[in-house]
PDB file of N, CA and C in Angstrom:
ATOM      1  N   MET A   1     -16.395  36.053  11.782  1.00  0.00           N
ATOM      2  CA  MET A   1     -16.680  34.838  11.006  1.00  0.00           C
ATOM      3  C   MET A   1     -15.924  34.863   9.743  1.00  0.00           C
ATOM      4  N   PRO A   2     -15.275  33.809   9.425  1.00  0.00           N
ATOM      5  CA  PRO A   2     -14.405  33.833   8.201  1.00  0.00           C
ATOM      6  C   PRO A   2     -15.395  33.606   7.069  1.00  0.00           C
ATOM      7  N   PRO A   3     -14.964  34.021   5.818  1.00  0.00           N
ATOM      8  CA  PRO A   3     -15.876  33.900   4.745  1.00  0.00           C
ATOM      9  C   PRO A   3     -16.163  32.487   4.389  1.00  0.00           C
ATOM     10  N   LYS A   4     -17.255  32.183   3.687  1.00  0.00           N
ATOM     11  CA  LYS A   4     -17.691  30.766   3.284  1.00  0.00           C
ATOM     12  C   LYS A   4     -16.751  30.421   2.001  1.00  0.00           C
ATOM     13  N   VAL A   5     -16.176  29.281   2.058  1.00  0.00           N
ATOM     14  CA  VAL A   5     -15.199  28.860   0.942  1.00  0.00           C
ATOM     15  C   VAL A   5     -15.808  27.359   0.493  1.00  0.00           C
ATOM     16  N   GLU A   6     -16.071  27.261  -0.876  1.00  0.00           N
ATOM     17  CA  GLU A   6     -16.508  25.913  -1.316  1.00  0.00           C
ATOM     18  C   GLU A   6     -15.306  25.530  -2.338  1.00  0.00           C
ATOM     19  N   TYR A   7     -14.919  24.240  -2.218  1.00  0.00           N
ATOM     20  CA  TYR A   7     -13.899  23.509  -3.079  1.00  0.00           C
ATOM     21  C   TYR A   7     -14.667  22.390  -3.796  1.00  0.00           C
ATOM     22  N   SER A   8     -14.051  22.151  -4.880  1.00  0.00           N
ATOM     23  CA  SER A   8     -14.339  21.063  -5.771  1.00  0.00           C
ATOM     24  C   SER A   8     -13.041  20.738  -6.498  1.00  0.00           C
ATOM     25  N   LEU A   9     -13.142  19.340  -6.973  1.00  0.00           N
ATOM     26  CA  LEU A   9     -12.113  18.992  -7.708  1.00  0.00           C
ATOM     27  C   LEU A   9     -12.278  19.407  -8.995  1.00  0.00           C
ATOM     28  N   THR A  10     -11.058  19.647  -9.873  1.00  0.00           N
ATOM     29  CA  THR A  10     -11.051  19.812 -11.341  1.00  0.00           C
ATOM     30  C   THR A  10     -11.449  18.549 -12.098  1.00  0.00           C
ATOM     31  N   GLU A  11     -11.550  18.686 -13.315  1.00  0.00           N
ATOM     32  CA  GLU A  11     -11.969  17.556 -14.209  1.00  0.00           C
ATOM     33  C   GLU A  11     -10.709  16.465 -14.131  1.00  0.00           C
ATOM     34  N   SER A  12      -9.550  17.037 -14.137  1.00  0.00           N
ATOM     35  CA  SER A  12      -8.393  16.168 -13.953  1.00  0.00           C
ATOM     36  C   SER A  12      -8.391  15.703 -12.616  1.00  0.00           C
ATOM     37  N   GLY A  13      -8.544  16.380 -11.613  1.00  0.00           N
ATOM     38  CA  GLY A  13      -8.619  15.733 -10.268  1.00  0.00           C
ATOM     39  C   GLY A  13      -9.738  14.628 -10.097  1.00  0.00           C
ATOM     40  N   ALA A  14     -10.828  14.693 -10.791  1.00  0.00           N
ATOM     41  CA  ALA A  14     -11.830  13.797 -10.715  1.00  0.00           C
ATOM     42  C   ALA A  14     -11.478  12.579 -11.471  1.00  0.00           C
ATOM     43  N   ALA A  15     -10.590  12.845 -12.661  1.00  0.00           N
ATOM     44  CA  ALA A  15     -10.224  11.668 -13.360  1.00  0.00           C
ATOM     45  C   ALA A  15      -9.034  10.842 -12.712  1.00  0.00           C
ATOM     46  N   LEU A  16      -8.125  11.556 -11.867  1.00  0.00           N
ATOM     47  CA  LEU A  16      -7.205  10.739 -10.955  1.00  0.00           C
ATOM     48  C   LEU A  16      -7.809  10.092 -10.041  1.00  0.00           C
ATOM     49  N   ASN A  17      -8.780  10.583  -9.473  1.00  0.00           N
ATOM     50  CA  ASN A  17      -9.517  10.023  -8.161  1.00  0.00           C
ATOM     51  C   ASN A  17     -10.074   8.798  -8.661  1.00  0.00           C
ATOM     52  N   LYS A  18     -10.753   8.800  -9.873  1.00  0.00           N
ATOM     53  CA  LYS A  18     -11.327   7.672 -10.615  1.00  0.00           C
ATOM     54  C   LYS A  18     -10.164   6.443 -10.929  1.00  0.00           C
ATOM     55  N   ALA A  19      -8.984   6.994 -11.316  1.00  0.00           N
ATOM     56  CA  ALA A  19      -7.876   6.091 -11.760  1.00  0.00           C
ATOM     57  C   ALA A  19      -7.449   5.401 -10.473  1.00  0.00           C
ATOM     58  N   LEU A  20      -7.355   6.040  -9.403  1.00  0.00           N
ATOM     59  CA  LEU A  20      -6.844   5.652  -8.109  1.00  0.00           C
ATOM     60  C   LEU A  20      -7.665   4.467  -7.424  1.00  0.00           C
ATOM     61  N   GLY A  21      -9.087   4.512  -7.699  1.00  0.00           N
ATOM     62  CA  GLY A  21      -9.966   3.741  -7.176  1.00  0.00           C
ATOM     63  C   GLY A  21      -9.620   2.248  -7.108  1.00  0.00           C
ATOM     64  N   PRO A  22      -9.139   1.536  -8.116  1.00  0.00           N
ATOM     65  CA  PRO A  22      -8.787   0.197  -7.955  1.00  0.00           C
ATOM     66  C   PRO A  22      -7.533   0.102  -7.110  1.00  0.00           C
ATOM     67  N   LEU A  23      -6.515   0.982  -6.967  1.00  0.00           N
ATOM     68  CA  LEU A  23      -5.473   0.912  -6.071  1.00  0.00           C
ATOM     69  C   LEU A  23      -6.037   0.682  -4.550  1.00  0.00           C
ATOM     70  N   GLY A  24      -6.949   1.654  -4.437  1.00  0.00           N
ATOM     71  CA  GLY A  24      -7.624   1.735  -2.928  1.00  0.00           C
ATOM     72  C   GLY A  24      -8.141   0.524  -2.585  1.00  0.00           C
ATOM     73  N   GLU A  25      -8.849  -0.120  -3.632  1.00  0.00           N
ATOM     74  CA  GLU A  25      -9.581  -1.570  -3.387  1.00  0.00           C
ATOM     75  C   GLU A  25      -8.570  -2.678  -3.295  1.00  0.00           C
ATOM     76  N   TRP A  26      -7.374  -2.502  -4.014  1.00  0.00           N
ATOM     77  CA  TRP A  26      -6.619  -3.410  -3.811  1.00  0.00           C
ATOM     78  C   TRP A  26      -5.871  -3.537  -2.188  1.00  0.00           C
ATOM     79  N   GLY A  27      -5.531  -2.200  -1.870  1.00  0.00           N
ATOM     80  CA  GLY A  27      -5.156  -2.007  -0.525  1.00  0.00           C
ATOM     81  C   GLY A  27      -6.022  -2.458   0.715  1.00  0.00           C
ATOM     82  N   GLN A  28      -7.329  -2.303   0.324  1.00  0.00           N
ATOM     83  CA  GLN A  28      -8.225  -2.733   1.322  1.00  0.00           C
ATOM     84  C   GLN A  28      -8.325  -4.265   1.350  1.00  0.00           C
ATOM     85  N   GLU A  29      -8.226  -4.912   0.206  1.00  0.00           N
ATOM     86  CA  GLU A  29      -8.278  -6.327   0.185  1.00  0.00           C
ATOM     87  C   GLU A  29      -6.876  -6.982   0.611  1.00  0.00           C
ATOM     88  N   ARG A  30      -5.927  -6.267   0.581  1.00  0.00           N
ATOM     89  CA  ARG A  30      -4.560  -6.838   1.200  1.00  0.00           C
ATOM     90  C   ARG A  30      -4.705  -6.586   2.593  1.00  0.00           C
ATOM     91  N   LEU A  31      -5.211  -5.591   3.326  1.00  0.00           N
ATOM     92  CA  LEU A  31      -5.288  -5.516   4.635  1.00  0.00           C
ATOM     93  C   LEU A  31      -6.339  -6.417   5.189  1.00  0.00           C
ATOM     94  N   ARG A  32      -7.356  -6.842   4.472  1.00  0.00           N
ATOM     95  CA  ARG A  32      -8.329  -7.915   4.995  1.00  0.00           C
ATOM     96  C   ARG A  32      -7.614  -9.294   4.958  1.00  0.00           C
ATOM     97  N   ARG A  33      -6.791  -9.479   3.958  1.00  0.00           N
ATOM     98  CA  ARG A  33      -6.005 -10.813   3.753  1.00  0.00           C
ATOM     99  C   ARG A  33      -4.917 -10.924   5.058  1.00  0.00           C
ATOM    100  N   GLU A  34      -4.458  -9.756   5.428  1.00  0.00           N
ATOM    101  CA  GLU A  34      -3.448  -9.761   6.415  1.00  0.00           C
ATOM    102  C   GLU A  34      -4.098  -9.756   7.953  1.00  0.00           C
ATOM    103  N   GLY A  35      -5.489  -9.633   7.862  1.00  0.00           N
ATOM    104  CA  GLY A  35      -6.232  -9.788   9.233  1.00  0.00           C
ATOM    105  C   GLY A  35      -6.176  -8.324   9.817  1.00  0.00           C
ATOM    106  N   LEU A  36      -5.925  -7.176   9.018  1.00  0.00           N
ATOM    107  CA  LEU A  36      -5.933  -5.931   9.574  1.00  0.00           C
ATOM    108  C   LEU A  36      -7.353  -5.299   9.603  1.00  0.00           C
ATOM    109  N   GLU A  37      -7.583  -4.204  10.518  1.00  0.00           N
ATOM    110  CA  GLU A  37      -8.822  -3.646  10.297  1.00  0.00           C
ATOM    111  C   GLU A  37      -8.945  -2.546   9.224  1.00  0.00           C
ATOM    112  N   VAL A  38      -9.992  -2.591   8.451  1.00  0.00           N
ATOM    113  CA  VAL A  38     -10.095  -1.726   7.238  1.00  0.00           C
ATOM    114  C   VAL A  38     -11.298  -0.792   7.740  1.00  0.00           C
ATOM    115  N   THR A  39     -11.076   0.333   7.653  1.00  0.00           N
ATOM    116  CA  THR A  39     -11.923   1.440   7.981  1.00  0.00           C
ATOM    117  C   THR A  39     -12.303   2.399   6.786  1.00  0.00           C
ATOM    118  N   GLU A  40     -13.387   2.714   6.377  1.00  0.00           N
ATOM    119  CA  GLU A  40     -13.650   3.439   5.311  1.00  0.00           C
ATOM    120  C   GLU A  40     -13.612   4.999   5.667  1.00  0.00           C
ATOM    121  N   ALA A  41     -13.067   5.835   4.700  1.00  0.00           N
ATOM    122  CA  ALA A  41     -12.744   7.150   4.713  1.00  0.00           C
ATOM    123  C   ALA A  41     -13.958   7.917   4.878  1.00  0.00           C
ATOM    124  N   PRO A  42     -14.108   8.963   5.606  1.00  0.00           N
ATOM    125  CA  PRO A  42     -15.335   9.885   5.524  1.00  0.00           C
ATOM    126  C   PRO A  42     -15.765  10.236   4.221  1.00  0.00           C
ATOM    127  N   GLY A  43     -17.000  10.037   3.758  1.00  0.00           N
ATOM    128  CA  GLY A  43     -17.536  10.625   2.378  1.00  0.00           C
ATOM    129  C   GLY A  43     -17.263   9.735   1.470  1.00  0.00           C
ATOM    130  N   ARG A  44     -16.722   8.657   1.586  1.00  0.00           N
ATOM    131  CA  ARG A  44     -16.480   7.470   0.646  1.00  0.00           C
ATOM    132  C   ARG A  44     -17.745   6.584   0.516  1.00  0.00           C
ATOM    133  N   PRO A  45     -18.117   6.194  -0.683  1.00  0.00           N
ATOM    134  CA  PRO A  45     -19.419   5.229  -0.590  1.00  0.00           C
ATOM    135  C   PRO A  45     -19.246   3.917  -0.403  1.00  0.00           C
TER     136      PRO A  45
END
């Protein structure tokens, strides 16, 4: 059995994730306008 490993984002990674949120929202809205299917990524609220 491999050892258990836990990962987490650094503070900088969390800040980048927050900054990219609006870009993801823009992309989802564009897909909706184009009539394409929007699927949520696992683990996203």
